[in-house]
Amino acid sequence: MQTIHPIEPEGLKQSPIRKPSTTVTPVPEIPAPPIVTKVGWPTLILEWIRTNMSNDILNYFKGDTMDTKLWYASKTFWTNIITLLWTFIGPLIGIPTLDPETMLGILAVINVILRIVTKQPVALK
């Protein structure tokens, strides 16, 4: 009886199994960049101004006009309207209010956040 062997094309022949090399290539150590942990408020404020406001300031002095939005599209406007209604009409209709110092603190934080995210001036018409 004759054994039949499959025919393999030259490119598909199995190569002998090779064992992986046991030598380890050393990885060069790269020093980590220094981490600045003590940054003061003036540095943070100047960095914020440099990154967020520099183009607006430069465009203003160049005479470029910025796109404006109408007053009713202002998040700051509506935040302050809601605060006024909550402060003066809220107690009349039974909505509980906070003490003035807490309200002032919350509103100040909200207005600072809105100032940071605001990119367009407001126009009345």
N, C-alpha and C. Protein backbone atom coordinates (compact mmCIF):
# COMPACT_ATOMS: atom_id res chain seq x y z
N MET A 1 0.82 -1.16 0.00
CA MET A 1 0.00 0.00 0.00
C MET A 1 0.89 1.25 0.00
N GLN A 2 0.45 2.24 -0.74
CA GLN A 2 1.25 3.44 -0.92
C GLN A 2 0.64 4.60 -0.12
N THR A 3 1.49 5.42 0.57
CA THR A 3 1.04 6.55 1.35
C THR A 3 0.98 7.78 0.44
N ILE A 4 -0.12 8.50 0.56
CA ILE A 4 -0.28 9.71 -0.26
C ILE A 4 0.09 10.91 0.62
N HIS A 5 1.03 11.72 0.14
CA HIS A 5 1.43 12.94 0.84
C HIS A 5 0.84 14.15 0.13
N PRO A 6 0.29 15.13 0.89
CA PRO A 6 -0.24 16.32 0.23
C PRO A 6 0.88 17.13 -0.41
N ILE A 7 0.54 17.79 -1.48
CA ILE A 7 1.52 18.63 -2.18
C ILE A 7 1.40 20.04 -1.62
N GLU A 8 2.51 20.58 -1.15
CA GLU A 8 2.52 21.94 -0.61
C GLU A 8 3.30 22.84 -1.55
N PRO A 9 2.73 24.02 -1.86
CA PRO A 9 3.50 24.96 -2.68
C PRO A 9 4.72 25.43 -1.89
N GLU A 10 5.71 25.90 -2.61
CA GLU A 10 6.98 26.30 -1.98
C GLU A 10 6.80 27.35 -0.87
N GLY A 11 5.92 28.32 -1.06
CA GLY A 11 5.77 29.40 -0.08
C GLY A 11 5.00 29.00 1.16
N LEU A 12 4.30 27.87 1.13
CA LEU A 12 3.47 27.48 2.26
C LEU A 12 4.08 26.36 3.10
N LYS A 13 5.29 25.96 2.80
CA LYS A 13 5.91 24.90 3.59
C LYS A 13 6.13 25.40 5.01
N GLN A 14 5.89 24.53 5.95
CA GLN A 14 6.08 24.90 7.34
C GLN A 14 7.55 24.94 7.66
N SER A 15 7.94 25.99 8.34
CA SER A 15 9.33 26.09 8.75
C SER A 15 9.48 25.37 10.09
N PRO A 16 10.67 24.91 10.40
CA PRO A 16 10.85 24.24 11.68
C PRO A 16 10.55 25.19 12.83
N ILE A 17 10.04 24.66 13.93
CA ILE A 17 9.67 25.46 15.09
C ILE A 17 10.93 26.00 15.74
N ARG A 18 10.92 27.29 15.94
CA ARG A 18 12.06 27.95 16.58
C ARG A 18 11.67 28.34 17.99
N LYS A 19 12.57 28.16 18.89
CA LYS A 19 12.34 28.57 20.26
C LYS A 19 12.67 30.06 20.36
N PRO A 20 11.85 30.81 21.13
CA PRO A 20 12.16 32.23 21.28
C PRO A 20 13.48 32.42 22.01
N SER A 21 14.15 33.48 21.62
CA SER A 21 15.44 33.74 22.27
C SER A 21 15.19 34.16 23.71
N THR A 22 16.11 33.80 24.56
CA THR A 22 15.95 34.10 25.98
C THR A 22 16.71 35.35 26.38
N THR A 23 17.37 35.98 25.44
CA THR A 23 18.08 37.20 25.78
C THR A 23 17.11 38.37 25.79
N VAL A 24 17.28 39.22 26.75
CA VAL A 24 16.41 40.39 26.91
C VAL A 24 17.18 41.62 26.49
N THR A 25 16.58 42.40 25.60
CA THR A 25 17.20 43.64 25.17
C THR A 25 16.88 44.72 26.20
N PRO A 26 17.89 45.36 26.76
CA PRO A 26 17.61 46.38 27.77
C PRO A 26 16.94 47.60 27.14
N VAL A 27 15.97 48.15 27.84
CA VAL A 27 15.26 49.34 27.39
C VAL A 27 15.92 50.54 28.04
N PRO A 28 16.31 51.53 27.25
CA PRO A 28 16.96 52.69 27.86
C PRO A 28 15.98 53.45 28.75
N GLU A 29 16.45 53.90 29.88
CA GLU A 29 15.59 54.64 30.81
C GLU A 29 15.53 56.09 30.38
N ILE A 30 14.31 56.59 30.27
CA ILE A 30 14.08 57.98 29.92
C ILE A 30 13.58 58.67 31.17
N PRO A 31 14.24 59.73 31.60
CA PRO A 31 13.78 60.39 32.82
C PRO A 31 12.42 61.04 32.60
N ALA A 32 11.58 60.95 33.61
CA ALA A 32 10.24 61.55 33.55
C ALA A 32 10.37 63.07 33.61
N PRO A 33 9.47 63.79 32.92
CA PRO A 33 9.53 65.26 33.01
C PRO A 33 9.19 65.70 34.42
N PRO A 34 9.76 66.79 34.85
CA PRO A 34 9.46 67.24 36.21
C PRO A 34 8.01 67.68 36.33
N ILE A 35 7.43 67.39 37.47
CA ILE A 35 6.04 67.76 37.75
C ILE A 35 6.05 68.96 38.68
N VAL A 36 5.41 70.02 38.23
CA VAL A 36 5.34 71.23 39.04
C VAL A 36 4.14 71.08 39.97
N THR A 37 4.40 71.06 41.26
CA THR A 37 3.30 70.87 42.20
C THR A 37 2.88 72.16 42.89
N LYS A 38 3.77 73.12 42.95
CA LYS A 38 3.42 74.37 43.63
C LYS A 38 3.25 75.46 42.59
N VAL A 39 2.01 75.65 42.17
CA VAL A 39 1.69 76.70 41.21
C VAL A 39 0.74 77.66 41.90
N GLY A 40 1.08 78.92 41.89
CA GLY A 40 0.25 79.90 42.56
C GLY A 40 -0.87 80.40 41.67
N TRP A 41 -1.80 81.09 42.30
CA TRP A 41 -2.94 81.65 41.57
C TRP A 41 -2.53 82.61 40.47
N PRO A 42 -1.52 83.48 40.72
CA PRO A 42 -1.13 84.38 39.62
C PRO A 42 -0.68 83.62 38.38
N THR A 43 0.06 82.53 38.57
CA THR A 43 0.52 81.74 37.43
C THR A 43 -0.66 81.12 36.70
N LEU A 44 -1.62 80.57 37.45
CA LEU A 44 -2.79 79.97 36.82
C LEU A 44 -3.61 81.01 36.06
N ILE A 45 -3.80 82.17 36.64
CA ILE A 45 -4.58 83.22 35.99
C ILE A 45 -3.87 83.70 34.73
N LEU A 46 -2.56 83.91 34.81
CA LEU A 46 -1.82 84.35 33.62
C LEU A 46 -1.85 83.29 32.53
N GLU A 47 -1.76 82.03 32.89
CA GLU A 47 -1.84 80.95 31.89
C GLU A 47 -3.22 80.92 31.24
N TRP A 48 -4.26 81.11 32.06
CA TRP A 48 -5.62 81.14 31.52
C TRP A 48 -5.79 82.31 30.55
N ILE A 49 -5.29 83.47 30.94
CA ILE A 49 -5.39 84.65 30.07
C ILE A 49 -4.62 84.40 28.78
N ARG A 50 -3.44 83.82 28.89
CA ARG A 50 -2.61 83.59 27.72
C ARG A 50 -3.28 82.63 26.74
N THR A 51 -3.92 81.59 27.26
CA THR A 51 -4.49 80.59 26.37
C THR A 51 -5.89 80.95 25.89
N ASN A 52 -6.73 81.53 26.75
CA ASN A 52 -8.13 81.74 26.39
C ASN A 52 -8.44 83.13 25.85
N MET A 53 -7.74 84.12 26.32
CA MET A 53 -8.14 85.47 25.97
C MET A 53 -7.17 86.17 25.02
N SER A 54 -6.02 85.57 24.76
CA SER A 54 -5.01 86.29 23.98
C SER A 54 -5.50 86.61 22.57
N ASN A 55 -6.17 85.67 21.92
CA ASN A 55 -6.67 85.94 20.57
C ASN A 55 -7.74 87.01 20.57
N ASP A 56 -8.63 87.00 21.56
CA ASP A 56 -9.67 88.02 21.63
C ASP A 56 -9.06 89.40 21.84
N ILE A 57 -8.08 89.48 22.71
CA ILE A 57 -7.44 90.78 22.98
C ILE A 57 -6.70 91.27 21.74
N LEU A 58 -5.96 90.38 21.10
CA LEU A 58 -5.23 90.78 19.88
C LEU A 58 -6.19 91.20 18.78
N ASN A 59 -7.26 90.47 18.60
CA ASN A 59 -8.24 90.82 17.57
C ASN A 59 -8.89 92.16 17.86
N TYR A 60 -9.12 92.47 19.13
CA TYR A 60 -9.72 93.76 19.50
C TYR A 60 -8.80 94.90 19.08
N PHE A 61 -7.51 94.77 19.37
CA PHE A 61 -6.58 95.85 19.03
C PHE A 61 -6.29 95.91 17.53
N LYS A 62 -6.48 94.82 16.82
CA LYS A 62 -6.33 94.83 15.36
C LYS A 62 -7.53 95.48 14.69
N GLY A 63 -8.63 95.60 15.43
CA GLY A 63 -9.83 96.18 14.85
C GLY A 63 -10.77 95.15 14.29
N ASP A 64 -10.47 93.87 14.48
CA ASP A 64 -11.37 92.82 14.00
C ASP A 64 -12.63 92.82 14.84
N THR A 65 -13.74 92.58 14.20
CA THR A 65 -14.99 92.51 14.93
C THR A 65 -15.29 91.06 15.27
N MET A 66 -15.89 90.87 16.42
CA MET A 66 -16.26 89.53 16.84
C MET A 66 -17.73 89.31 16.50
N ASP A 67 -18.08 88.07 16.25
CA ASP A 67 -19.49 87.74 16.04
C ASP A 67 -20.22 87.93 17.35
N THR A 68 -21.37 88.58 17.29
CA THR A 68 -22.15 88.81 18.50
C THR A 68 -23.36 87.89 18.52
N LYS A 69 -23.90 87.71 19.71
CA LYS A 69 -25.14 86.95 19.85
C LYS A 69 -26.18 87.87 20.47
N LEU A 70 -27.43 87.55 20.25
CA LEU A 70 -28.50 88.37 20.80
C LEU A 70 -28.61 88.15 22.30
N TRP A 71 -29.17 89.12 22.99
CA TRP A 71 -29.19 89.10 24.45
C TRP A 71 -29.89 87.88 25.01
N TYR A 72 -30.92 87.39 24.32
CA TYR A 72 -31.68 86.27 24.87
C TYR A 72 -30.95 84.93 24.67
N ALA A 73 -29.80 84.93 23.98
CA ALA A 73 -28.99 83.72 23.84
C ALA A 73 -27.88 83.65 24.89
N SER A 74 -27.88 84.60 25.82
CA SER A 74 -26.83 84.67 26.83
C SER A 74 -27.16 83.79 28.04
N LYS A 75 -26.28 82.86 28.35
CA LYS A 75 -26.47 82.01 29.53
C LYS A 75 -26.35 82.82 30.81
N THR A 76 -25.47 83.82 30.81
CA THR A 76 -25.30 84.66 32.00
C THR A 76 -26.57 85.45 32.28
N PHE A 77 -27.17 85.99 31.23
CA PHE A 77 -28.42 86.74 31.41
C PHE A 77 -29.49 85.88 32.06
N TRP A 78 -29.71 84.67 31.53
CA TRP A 78 -30.77 83.81 32.05
C TRP A 78 -30.45 83.29 33.45
N THR A 79 -29.18 83.07 33.74
CA THR A 79 -28.79 82.67 35.09
C THR A 79 -29.16 83.76 36.09
N ASN A 80 -28.89 84.99 35.74
CA ASN A 80 -29.20 86.10 36.65
C ASN A 80 -30.71 86.35 36.74
N ILE A 81 -31.46 86.16 35.66
CA ILE A 81 -32.92 86.30 35.72
C ILE A 81 -33.51 85.24 36.64
N ILE A 82 -33.04 83.99 36.50
CA ILE A 82 -33.54 82.91 37.37
C ILE A 82 -33.21 83.20 38.83
N THR A 83 -32.02 83.73 39.08
CA THR A 83 -31.64 84.07 40.45
C THR A 83 -32.55 85.17 41.01
N LEU A 84 -32.83 86.19 40.20
CA LEU A 84 -33.74 87.26 40.66
C LEU A 84 -35.13 86.72 40.97
N LEU A 85 -35.66 85.89 40.07
CA LEU A 85 -36.99 85.32 40.31
C LEU A 85 -37.01 84.45 41.56
N TRP A 86 -35.97 83.63 41.72
CA TRP A 86 -35.90 82.75 42.89
C TRP A 86 -35.80 83.56 44.18
N THR A 87 -35.05 84.68 44.12
CA THR A 87 -34.85 85.48 45.32
C THR A 87 -36.11 86.25 45.72
N PHE A 88 -36.78 86.87 44.76
CA PHE A 88 -37.88 87.76 45.11
C PHE A 88 -39.26 87.11 45.00
N ILE A 89 -39.46 86.25 44.02
CA ILE A 89 -40.79 85.65 43.84
C ILE A 89 -40.87 84.28 44.51
N GLY A 90 -39.73 83.61 44.67
CA GLY A 90 -39.71 82.28 45.27
C GLY A 90 -40.38 82.19 46.62
N PRO A 91 -40.07 83.08 47.57
CA PRO A 91 -40.73 83.01 48.88
C PRO A 91 -42.24 83.26 48.81
N LEU A 92 -42.68 84.06 47.84
CA LEU A 92 -44.11 84.35 47.73
C LEU A 92 -44.91 83.14 47.27
N ILE A 93 -44.28 82.28 46.45
CA ILE A 93 -45.01 81.11 45.94
C ILE A 93 -44.58 79.82 46.64
N GLY A 94 -43.76 79.93 47.67
CA GLY A 94 -43.43 78.77 48.49
C GLY A 94 -42.16 78.04 48.13
N ILE A 95 -41.31 78.61 47.28
CA ILE A 95 -40.03 77.97 46.96
C ILE A 95 -39.03 78.38 48.05
N PRO A 96 -38.39 77.41 48.69
CA PRO A 96 -37.44 77.78 49.75
C PRO A 96 -36.21 78.48 49.17
N THR A 97 -35.68 79.42 49.92
CA THR A 97 -34.49 80.15 49.48
C THR A 97 -33.36 79.89 50.46
N LEU A 98 -32.16 80.18 50.01
CA LEU A 98 -30.98 80.04 50.85
C LEU A 98 -30.66 81.38 51.48
N ASP A 99 -29.76 81.35 52.47
CA ASP A 99 -29.38 82.64 53.07
C ASP A 99 -28.58 83.44 52.04
N PRO A 100 -28.56 84.76 52.17
CA PRO A 100 -27.95 85.62 51.14
C PRO A 100 -26.47 85.32 50.87
N GLU A 101 -25.70 84.99 51.91
CA GLU A 101 -24.28 84.72 51.71
C GLU A 101 -24.06 83.48 50.84
N THR A 102 -24.87 82.45 51.08
CA THR A 102 -24.75 81.22 50.29
C THR A 102 -25.17 81.48 48.85
N MET A 103 -26.28 82.18 48.66
CA MET A 103 -26.74 82.51 47.31
C MET A 103 -25.69 83.32 46.56
N LEU A 104 -25.09 84.29 47.24
CA LEU A 104 -24.07 85.12 46.60
C LEU A 104 -22.87 84.28 46.19
N GLY A 105 -22.45 83.38 47.06
CA GLY A 105 -21.32 82.51 46.74
C GLY A 105 -21.60 81.60 45.56
N ILE A 106 -22.78 80.99 45.55
CA ILE A 106 -23.15 80.10 44.44
C ILE A 106 -23.24 80.88 43.14
N LEU A 107 -23.88 82.03 43.17
CA LEU A 107 -24.01 82.85 41.96
C LEU A 107 -22.66 83.33 41.46
N ALA A 108 -21.76 83.68 42.38
CA ALA A 108 -20.43 84.12 41.97
C ALA A 108 -19.68 83.00 41.25
N VAL A 109 -19.76 81.78 41.78
CA VAL A 109 -19.08 80.65 41.14
C VAL A 109 -19.69 80.38 39.76
N ILE A 110 -21.01 80.40 39.67
CA ILE A 110 -21.67 80.16 38.38
C ILE A 110 -21.29 81.23 37.37
N ASN A 111 -21.24 82.49 37.80
CA ASN A 111 -20.88 83.57 36.87
C ASN A 111 -19.43 83.47 36.42
N VAL A 112 -18.53 83.05 37.30
CA VAL A 112 -17.13 82.87 36.89
C VAL A 112 -17.03 81.77 35.84
N ILE A 113 -17.73 80.66 36.07
CA ILE A 113 -17.72 79.56 35.10
C ILE A 113 -18.29 80.03 33.76
N LEU A 114 -19.39 80.76 33.81
CA LEU A 114 -19.99 81.26 32.57
C LEU A 114 -19.05 82.25 31.86
N ARG A 115 -18.33 83.03 32.63
CA ARG A 115 -17.38 83.98 32.03
C ARG A 115 -16.27 83.23 31.31
N ILE A 116 -15.84 82.10 31.87
CA ILE A 116 -14.77 81.32 31.26
C ILE A 116 -15.24 80.71 29.94
N VAL A 117 -16.47 80.21 29.90
CA VAL A 117 -16.94 79.52 28.70
C VAL A 117 -17.51 80.47 27.65
N THR A 118 -17.73 81.72 28.01
CA THR A 118 -18.29 82.69 27.06
C THR A 118 -17.25 83.12 26.04
N LYS A 119 -17.60 83.05 24.78
CA LYS A 119 -16.68 83.41 23.71
C LYS A 119 -17.20 84.56 22.84
N GLN A 120 -18.47 84.94 23.00
CA GLN A 120 -19.04 85.98 22.14
C GLN A 120 -19.62 87.10 22.97
N PRO A 121 -19.50 88.32 22.49
CA PRO A 121 -20.16 89.43 23.17
C PRO A 121 -21.67 89.41 22.87
N VAL A 122 -22.42 90.11 23.69
CA VAL A 122 -23.88 90.17 23.54
C VAL A 122 -24.26 91.48 22.86
N ALA A 123 -25.20 91.42 21.94
CA ALA A 123 -25.73 92.61 21.27
C ALA A 123 -27.20 92.74 21.58
N LEU A 124 -27.69 93.97 21.69
CA LEU A 124 -29.09 94.18 22.02
C LEU A 124 -30.01 93.99 20.82
N LYS A 125 -29.49 94.14 19.61
CA LYS A 125 -30.34 93.96 18.44
C LYS A 125 -29.64 93.15 17.40
